[in-house]
Amino acid sequence: MSNAWALLRLASPQLPIGGYSYSQGLELAVDQQQVHNVDTGRRWLADQLLLNLARFEAPLLLAHCTAAAAADWNELTRLAALHRASRETRELALESRQMGYSLRQLLRDLPELDSNARNLLLEQHEPGLPLVWALTAQAWSIRPNEALAAWLWSWLENQLAVLMKSLPLGQQAAQRLTSELLPLLDQAQRDAESINEADWGSAPFGLILASMAHERQYSRLFRS
């Protein structure tokens, strides 16, 4: 069976984990006019990719996937705790837990999951998305770097959907923006693959403030 099917399945917006419900602070940035056109949207997404995801979120997810592929359950448990402790706001913590819960509900009923991975999954209380994503990649024989690429793509696709709904941004403009951001997506993956754990870390103050303010936004389409 082609490995492409599993990779497309993992990256698909049809994966029932509810990613479309979250804006990761972008809706608040639009509401406050920090993001108000294609150029400001591009800058927001580029900054998130290179200053936040590439420096912490992506290498941490890749480490989850690498540990799962090696069946290193102790390391995977350690990384899951690190991810849980790194959530800066209530919204970001709930997003990871709720998406992790949805993916766990799907994964635990699938035959591909081996017994050791299944036991770890059931032992985890409210696992975050990276842990369950890594176990899904392991179950579907997706290599760690490909699982990271799928996660980065799903992030970008969701963020563009937020812009299309809230700016609004037309589909053709969104496709042009995708073409402009794909090199940065590739760079974010390369950076994530090369950074040592001792150097992990980012200071996404704008994202954190946007997430905190979004909790109190009067009218909104997204959960975060």
C-alpha atoms as a PDB file:
ATOM      1  CA  MET A   1       0.000   0.000   0.000  1.00  0.00           C
ATOM      2  CA  SER A   2       1.311   3.465  -0.860  1.00  0.00           C
ATOM      3  CA  ASN A   3       2.569   5.456   2.124  1.00  0.00           C
ATOM      4  CA  ALA A   4       1.098   8.546   0.466  1.00  0.00           C
ATOM      5  CA  TRP A   5      -2.408   7.485   1.466  1.00  0.00           C
ATOM      6  CA  ALA A   6      -1.545   7.495   5.163  1.00  0.00           C
ATOM      7  CA  LEU A   7       0.236  10.826   4.872  1.00  0.00           C
ATOM      8  CA  LEU A   8      -2.676  12.447   3.056  1.00  0.00           C
ATOM      9  CA  ARG A   9      -5.061  10.970   5.603  1.00  0.00           C
ATOM     10  CA  LEU A  10      -3.116  12.464   8.510  1.00  0.00           C
ATOM     11  CA  ALA A  11      -2.881  15.905   6.877  1.00  0.00           C
ATOM     12  CA  SER A  12      -6.465  15.946   5.647  1.00  0.00           C
ATOM     13  CA  PRO A  13      -8.887  18.543   7.071  1.00  0.00           C
ATOM     14  CA  GLN A  14     -11.383  15.650   7.121  1.00  0.00           C
ATOM     15  CA  LEU A  15      -9.474  14.136  10.045  1.00  0.00           C
ATOM     16  CA  PRO A  16     -12.136  14.601  12.747  1.00  0.00           C
ATOM     17  CA  ILE A  17     -10.154  16.489  15.377  1.00  0.00           C
ATOM     18  CA  GLY A  18     -11.776  19.901  14.990  1.00  0.00           C
ATOM     19  CA  GLY A  19      -8.782  21.934  13.868  1.00  0.00           C
ATOM     20  CA  TYR A  20     -11.079  24.227  11.929  1.00  0.00           C
ATOM     21  CA  SER A  21     -12.536  25.458  15.244  1.00  0.00           C
ATOM     22  CA  TYR A  22      -9.344  27.227  16.311  1.00  0.00           C
ATOM     23  CA  SER A  23      -7.652  30.386  15.071  1.00  0.00           C
ATOM     24  CA  GLN A  24      -4.696  30.440  17.530  1.00  0.00           C
ATOM     25  CA  GLY A  25      -5.192  34.139  18.199  1.00  0.00           C
ATOM     26  CA  LEU A  26      -5.477  35.124  14.543  1.00  0.00           C
ATOM     27  CA  GLU A  27      -9.147  36.041  14.871  1.00  0.00           C
ATOM     28  CA  LEU A  28      -8.262  38.527  17.614  1.00  0.00           C
ATOM     29  CA  ALA A  29      -5.483  39.983  15.458  1.00  0.00           C
ATOM     30  CA  VAL A  30      -8.031  40.535  12.690  1.00  0.00           C
ATOM     31  CA  ASP A  31     -10.542  42.043  15.118  1.00  0.00           C
ATOM     32  CA  GLN A  32      -7.926  44.501  16.399  1.00  0.00           C
ATOM     33  CA  GLN A  33      -6.774  45.353  12.849  1.00  0.00           C
ATOM     34  CA  GLN A  34      -3.275  43.988  13.401  1.00  0.00           C
ATOM     35  CA  VAL A  35      -4.109  41.760  10.442  1.00  0.00           C
ATOM     36  CA  HIS A  36      -6.285  43.603   7.943  1.00  0.00           C
ATOM     37  CA  ASN A  37      -5.109  42.616   4.459  1.00  0.00           C
ATOM     38  CA  VAL A  38      -2.992  40.082   2.579  1.00  0.00           C
ATOM     39  CA  ASP A  39       0.325  41.723   3.495  1.00  0.00           C
ATOM     40  CA  THR A  40      -0.343  41.852   7.218  1.00  0.00           C
ATOM     41  CA  GLY A  41      -1.732  38.315   7.092  1.00  0.00           C
ATOM     42  CA  ARG A  42       1.435  37.129   5.380  1.00  0.00           C
ATOM     43  CA  ARG A  43       3.589  38.800   8.011  1.00  0.00           C
ATOM     44  CA  TRP A  44       1.585  37.280  10.882  1.00  0.00           C
ATOM     45  CA  LEU A  45       1.831  33.765   9.451  1.00  0.00           C
ATOM     46  CA  ALA A  46       5.504  34.119   8.526  1.00  0.00           C
ATOM     47  CA  ASP A  47       6.355  35.277  12.038  1.00  0.00           C
ATOM     48  CA  GLN A  48       4.438  32.388  13.580  1.00  0.00           C
ATOM     49  CA  LEU A  49       6.216  29.920  11.329  1.00  0.00           C
ATOM     50  CA  LEU A  50       9.789  31.090  11.784  1.00  0.00           C
ATOM     51  CA  LEU A  51       9.772  32.676  15.244  1.00  0.00           C
ATOM     52  CA  ASN A  52       7.460  30.281  17.057  1.00  0.00           C
ATOM     53  CA  LEU A  53       6.741  26.966  15.322  1.00  0.00           C
ATOM     54  CA  ALA A  54      10.228  26.383  13.916  1.00  0.00           C
ATOM     55  CA  ARG A  55      11.910  27.135  17.240  1.00  0.00           C
ATOM     56  CA  PHE A  56       9.733  25.178  19.638  1.00  0.00           C
ATOM     57  CA  GLU A  57       6.408  23.704  18.560  1.00  0.00           C
ATOM     58  CA  ALA A  58       7.739  21.913  15.473  1.00  0.00           C
ATOM     59  CA  PRO A  59      10.928  20.415  16.978  1.00  0.00           C
ATOM     60  CA  LEU A  60       8.905  19.282  19.986  1.00  0.00           C
ATOM     61  CA  LEU A  61       6.360  17.579  17.740  1.00  0.00           C
ATOM     62  CA  LEU A  62       9.162  15.988  15.707  1.00  0.00           C
ATOM     63  CA  ALA A  63      10.706  14.640  18.913  1.00  0.00           C
ATOM     64  CA  HIS A  64       7.336  13.121  19.845  1.00  0.00           C
ATOM     65  CA  CYS A  65       7.160  11.400  16.462  1.00  0.00           C
ATOM     66  CA  THR A  66      10.755  10.181  16.662  1.00  0.00           C
ATOM     67  CA  ALA A  67      10.179   8.679  20.113  1.00  0.00           C
ATOM     68  CA  ALA A  68       6.968   6.981  18.979  1.00  0.00           C
ATOM     69  CA  ALA A  69       8.669   5.535  15.889  1.00  0.00           C
ATOM     70  CA  ALA A  70      11.387   4.089  18.133  1.00  0.00           C
ATOM     71  CA  ALA A  71       8.784   2.803  20.630  1.00  0.00           C
ATOM     72  CA  ASP A  72      10.544   4.813  23.335  1.00  0.00           C
ATOM     73  CA  TRP A  73       7.541   5.194  25.606  1.00  0.00           C
ATOM     74  CA  ASN A  74       9.438   6.778  28.499  1.00  0.00           C
ATOM     75  CA  GLU A  75      10.776   9.509  26.241  1.00  0.00           C
ATOM     76  CA  LEU A  76       7.372  10.045  24.696  1.00  0.00           C
ATOM     77  CA  THR A  77       5.845  10.452  28.149  1.00  0.00           C
ATOM     78  CA  ARG A  78       8.543  12.987  29.078  1.00  0.00           C
ATOM     79  CA  LEU A  79       7.942  14.999  25.930  1.00  0.00           C
ATOM     80  CA  ALA A  80       4.192  14.959  26.498  1.00  0.00           C
ATOM     81  CA  ALA A  81       4.720  16.447  29.952  1.00  0.00           C
ATOM     82  CA  LEU A  82       7.012  19.112  28.494  1.00  0.00           C
ATOM     83  CA  HIS A  83       4.391  20.061  25.928  1.00  0.00           C
ATOM     84  CA  ARG A  84       1.663  20.220  28.552  1.00  0.00           C
ATOM     85  CA  ALA A  85       3.761  22.525  30.739  1.00  0.00           C
ATOM     86  CA  SER A  86       4.558  24.816  27.817  1.00  0.00           C
ATOM     87  CA  ARG A  87       0.982  25.964  27.127  1.00  0.00           C
ATOM     88  CA  GLU A  88       1.045  29.673  27.948  1.00  0.00           C
ATOM     89  CA  THR A  89      -2.695  30.342  28.026  1.00  0.00           C
ATOM     90  CA  ARG A  90      -5.863  28.525  28.984  1.00  0.00           C
ATOM     91  CA  GLU A  91      -7.041  28.628  25.354  1.00  0.00           C
ATOM     92  CA  LEU A  92      -3.892  27.018  23.992  1.00  0.00           C
ATOM     93  CA  ALA A  93      -4.002  24.310  26.658  1.00  0.00           C
ATOM     94  CA  LEU A  94      -7.660  23.516  25.948  1.00  0.00           C
ATOM     95  CA  GLU A  95      -7.018  23.435  22.201  1.00  0.00           C
ATOM     96  CA  SER A  96      -4.282  20.826  22.535  1.00  0.00           C
ATOM     97  CA  ARG A  97      -6.305  18.719  24.980  1.00  0.00           C
ATOM     98  CA  GLN A  98      -9.510  18.835  22.979  1.00  0.00           C
ATOM     99  CA  MET A  99      -7.852  18.012  19.661  1.00  0.00           C
ATOM    100  CA  GLY A 100      -5.803  15.305  21.368  1.00  0.00           C
ATOM    101  CA  TYR A 101      -8.991  13.861  22.856  1.00  0.00           C
ATOM    102  CA  SER A 102     -10.710  13.794  19.457  1.00  0.00           C
ATOM    103  CA  LEU A 103      -7.778  12.093  17.759  1.00  0.00           C
ATOM    104  CA  ARG A 104      -7.479   9.581  20.616  1.00  0.00           C
ATOM    105  CA  GLN A 105     -11.160   8.680  20.215  1.00  0.00           C
ATOM    106  CA  LEU A 106     -10.461   7.898  16.577  1.00  0.00           C
ATOM    107  CA  LEU A 107      -7.149   6.143  17.052  1.00  0.00           C
ATOM    108  CA  ARG A 108      -8.089   3.797  19.872  1.00  0.00           C
ATOM    109  CA  ASP A 109     -10.779   2.161  17.746  1.00  0.00           C
ATOM    110  CA  LEU A 110      -8.475   1.546  14.770  1.00  0.00           C
ATOM    111  CA  PRO A 111      -6.780  -1.841  14.261  1.00  0.00           C
ATOM    112  CA  GLU A 112      -3.391  -0.373  13.258  1.00  0.00           C
ATOM    113  CA  LEU A 113      -2.428   0.628  16.799  1.00  0.00           C
ATOM    114  CA  ASP A 114      -0.181  -1.962  18.480  1.00  0.00           C
ATOM    115  CA  SER A 115      -0.772  -3.072  22.061  1.00  0.00           C
ATOM    116  CA  ASN A 116       2.088  -1.124  23.660  1.00  0.00           C
ATOM    117  CA  ALA A 117       1.078   2.115  21.981  1.00  0.00           C
ATOM    118  CA  ARG A 118      -2.549   1.476  22.874  1.00  0.00           C
ATOM    119  CA  ASN A 119      -1.658   0.966  26.521  1.00  0.00           C
ATOM    120  CA  LEU A 120       0.299   4.213  26.601  1.00  0.00           C
ATOM    121  CA  LEU A 121      -2.560   6.044  24.940  1.00  0.00           C
ATOM    122  CA  LEU A 122      -5.088   4.768  27.471  1.00  0.00           C
ATOM    123  CA  GLU A 123      -2.801   5.525  30.410  1.00  0.00           C
ATOM    124  CA  GLN A 124      -2.457   9.190  29.479  1.00  0.00           C
ATOM    125  CA  HIS A 125      -4.864  11.563  31.182  1.00  0.00           C
ATOM    126  CA  GLU A 126      -6.044  14.208  28.684  1.00  0.00           C
ATOM    127  CA  PRO A 127      -3.131  13.726  26.251  1.00  0.00           C
ATOM    128  CA  GLY A 128      -2.126  16.680  24.113  1.00  0.00           C
ATOM    129  CA  LEU A 129      -2.289  16.631  20.346  1.00  0.00           C
ATOM    130  CA  PRO A 130       1.467  16.031  19.744  1.00  0.00           C
ATOM    131  CA  LEU A 131       1.465  12.754  21.670  1.00  0.00           C
ATOM    132  CA  VAL A 132      -1.588  11.376  19.885  1.00  0.00           C
ATOM    133  CA  TRP A 133      -0.357  12.713  16.522  1.00  0.00           C
ATOM    134  CA  ALA A 134       2.920  10.850  17.058  1.00  0.00           C
ATOM    135  CA  LEU A 135       1.138   7.614  17.961  1.00  0.00           C
ATOM    136  CA  THR A 136      -1.065   7.974  14.880  1.00  0.00           C
ATOM    137  CA  ALA A 137       1.991   8.452  12.674  1.00  0.00           C
ATOM    138  CA  GLN A 138       3.589   5.371  14.225  1.00  0.00           C
ATOM    139  CA  ALA A 139       0.437   3.307  13.710  1.00  0.00           C
ATOM    140  CA  TRP A 140       0.198   4.351  10.065  1.00  0.00           C
ATOM    141  CA  SER A 141       3.950   3.860   9.399  1.00  0.00           C
ATOM    142  CA  ILE A 142       4.549   7.536   8.653  1.00  0.00           C
ATOM    143  CA  ARG A 143       8.146   8.661   9.117  1.00  0.00           C
ATOM    144  CA  PRO A 144       8.721  11.373  11.741  1.00  0.00           C
ATOM    145  CA  ASN A 145       9.799  14.059   9.250  1.00  0.00           C
ATOM    146  CA  GLU A 146       6.732  13.345   7.113  1.00  0.00           C
ATOM    147  CA  ALA A 147       4.468  13.515  10.174  1.00  0.00           C
ATOM    148  CA  LEU A 148       5.978  16.910  10.938  1.00  0.00           C
ATOM    149  CA  ALA A 149       5.356  18.054   7.355  1.00  0.00           C
ATOM    150  CA  ALA A 150       1.725  16.950   7.625  1.00  0.00           C
ATOM    151  CA  TRP A 151       1.317  18.876  10.871  1.00  0.00           C
ATOM    152  CA  LEU A 152       2.884  22.044   9.426  1.00  0.00           C
ATOM    153  CA  TRP A 153       0.678  21.824   6.347  1.00  0.00           C
ATOM    154  CA  SER A 154      -2.473  21.341   8.414  1.00  0.00           C
ATOM    155  CA  TRP A 155      -1.501  24.376  10.516  1.00  0.00           C
ATOM    156  CA  LEU A 156      -1.016  26.560   7.446  1.00  0.00           C
ATOM    157  CA  GLU A 157      -4.194  25.339   5.783  1.00  0.00           C
ATOM    158  CA  ASN A 158      -6.207  26.097   8.910  1.00  0.00           C
ATOM    159  CA  GLN A 159      -4.694  29.560   9.338  1.00  0.00           C
ATOM    160  CA  LEU A 160      -5.512  30.421   5.734  1.00  0.00           C
ATOM    161  CA  ALA A 161      -9.075  29.235   6.315  1.00  0.00           C
ATOM    162  CA  VAL A 162      -9.282  31.633   9.271  1.00  0.00           C
ATOM    163  CA  LEU A 163      -8.183  34.501   7.033  1.00  0.00           C
ATOM    164  CA  MET A 164     -10.699  33.513   4.360  1.00  0.00           C
ATOM    165  CA  LYS A 165     -13.521  33.620   6.898  1.00  0.00           C
ATOM    166  CA  SER A 166     -12.525  36.693   8.865  1.00  0.00           C
ATOM    167  CA  LEU A 167     -10.853  39.210   6.542  1.00  0.00           C
ATOM    168  CA  PRO A 168     -12.400  38.025   4.186  1.00  0.00           C
ATOM    169  CA  LEU A 169      -9.792  36.588   1.842  1.00  0.00           C
ATOM    170  CA  GLY A 170     -10.832  35.067  -1.485  1.00  0.00           C
ATOM    171  CA  GLN A 171      -9.786  31.582  -2.514  1.00  0.00           C
ATOM    172  CA  GLN A 172      -7.513  32.754  -5.317  1.00  0.00           C
ATOM    173  CA  ALA A 173      -5.775  35.213  -3.004  1.00  0.00           C
ATOM    174  CA  ALA A 174      -5.397  32.419  -0.441  1.00  0.00           C
ATOM    175  CA  GLN A 175      -3.747  30.209  -3.070  1.00  0.00           C
ATOM    176  CA  ARG A 176      -1.320  32.983  -4.007  1.00  0.00           C
ATOM    177  CA  LEU A 177      -0.516  33.444  -0.336  1.00  0.00           C
ATOM    178  CA  THR A 178       0.047  29.693  -0.020  1.00  0.00           C
ATOM    179  CA  SER A 179       2.605  29.830  -2.846  1.00  0.00           C
ATOM    180  CA  GLU A 180       4.400  32.677  -1.090  1.00  0.00           C
ATOM    181  CA  LEU A 181       4.461  30.882   2.273  1.00  0.00           C
ATOM    182  CA  LEU A 182       5.450  27.376   1.135  1.00  0.00           C
ATOM    183  CA  PRO A 183       9.182  28.239   1.087  1.00  0.00           C
ATOM    184  CA  LEU A 184       8.837  29.413   4.695  1.00  0.00           C
ATOM    185  CA  LEU A 185       7.002  26.217   5.574  1.00  0.00           C
ATOM    186  CA  ASP A 186       9.933  24.291   4.130  1.00  0.00           C
ATOM    187  CA  GLN A 187      12.379  26.463   6.056  1.00  0.00           C
ATOM    188  CA  ALA A 188      10.448  25.926   9.288  1.00  0.00           C
ATOM    189  CA  GLN A 189      10.701  22.167   8.807  1.00  0.00           C
ATOM    190  CA  ARG A 190      14.446  22.325   8.109  1.00  0.00           C
ATOM    191  CA  ASP A 191      15.002  24.514  11.164  1.00  0.00           C
ATOM    192  CA  ALA A 192      12.950  22.166  13.346  1.00  0.00           C
ATOM    193  CA  GLU A 193      14.938  19.151  12.152  1.00  0.00           C
ATOM    194  CA  SER A 194      18.303  20.775  12.894  1.00  0.00           C
ATOM    195  CA  ILE A 195      17.760  22.465  16.260  1.00  0.00           C
ATOM    196  CA  ASN A 196      19.006  20.781  19.432  1.00  0.00           C
ATOM    197  CA  GLU A 197      16.677  20.367  22.390  1.00  0.00           C
ATOM    198  CA  ALA A 198      18.885  22.638  24.502  1.00  0.00           C
ATOM    199  CA  ASP A 199      18.095  25.425  22.040  1.00  0.00           C
ATOM    200  CA  TRP A 200      14.338  24.885  21.870  1.00  0.00           C
ATOM    201  CA  GLY A 201      12.301  27.880  22.863  1.00  0.00           C
ATOM    202  CA  SER A 202      10.436  30.879  21.566  1.00  0.00           C
ATOM    203  CA  ALA A 203       8.903  34.008  23.021  1.00  0.00           C
ATOM    204  CA  PRO A 204       5.662  34.464  21.051  1.00  0.00           C
ATOM    205  CA  PHE A 205       4.414  37.453  23.039  1.00  0.00           C
ATOM    206  CA  GLY A 206       2.044  38.606  20.310  1.00  0.00           C
ATOM    207  CA  LEU A 207       0.456  35.165  20.054  1.00  0.00           C
ATOM    208  CA  ILE A 208       0.114  34.844  23.830  1.00  0.00           C
ATOM    209  CA  LEU A 209      -1.471  38.274  24.221  1.00  0.00           C
ATOM    210  CA  ALA A 210      -3.804  37.599  21.299  1.00  0.00           C
ATOM    211  CA  SER A 211      -4.833  34.258  22.818  1.00  0.00           C
ATOM    212  CA  MET A 212      -5.482  35.839  26.220  1.00  0.00           C
ATOM    213  CA  ALA A 213      -7.522  38.683  24.742  1.00  0.00           C
ATOM    214  CA  HIS A 214      -9.436  36.304  22.483  1.00  0.00           C
ATOM    215  CA  GLU A 215     -10.897  34.616  25.569  1.00  0.00           C
ATOM    216  CA  ARG A 216     -12.770  37.878  26.239  1.00  0.00           C
ATOM    217  CA  GLN A 217     -13.553  38.867  22.641  1.00  0.00           C
ATOM    218  CA  TYR A 218     -17.209  39.861  22.446  1.00  0.00           C
ATOM    219  CA  SER A 219     -18.091  38.137  19.178  1.00  0.00           C
ATOM    220  CA  ARG A 220     -16.050  35.372  17.581  1.00  0.00           C
ATOM    221  CA  LEU A 221     -16.220  32.484  15.144  1.00  0.00           C
ATOM    222  CA  PHE A 222     -13.412  30.392  16.630  1.00  0.00           C
ATOM    223  CA  ARG A 223     -12.749  28.739  19.979  1.00  0.00           C
ATOM    224  CA  SER A 224      -9.240  30.155  20.255  1.00  0.00           C
END
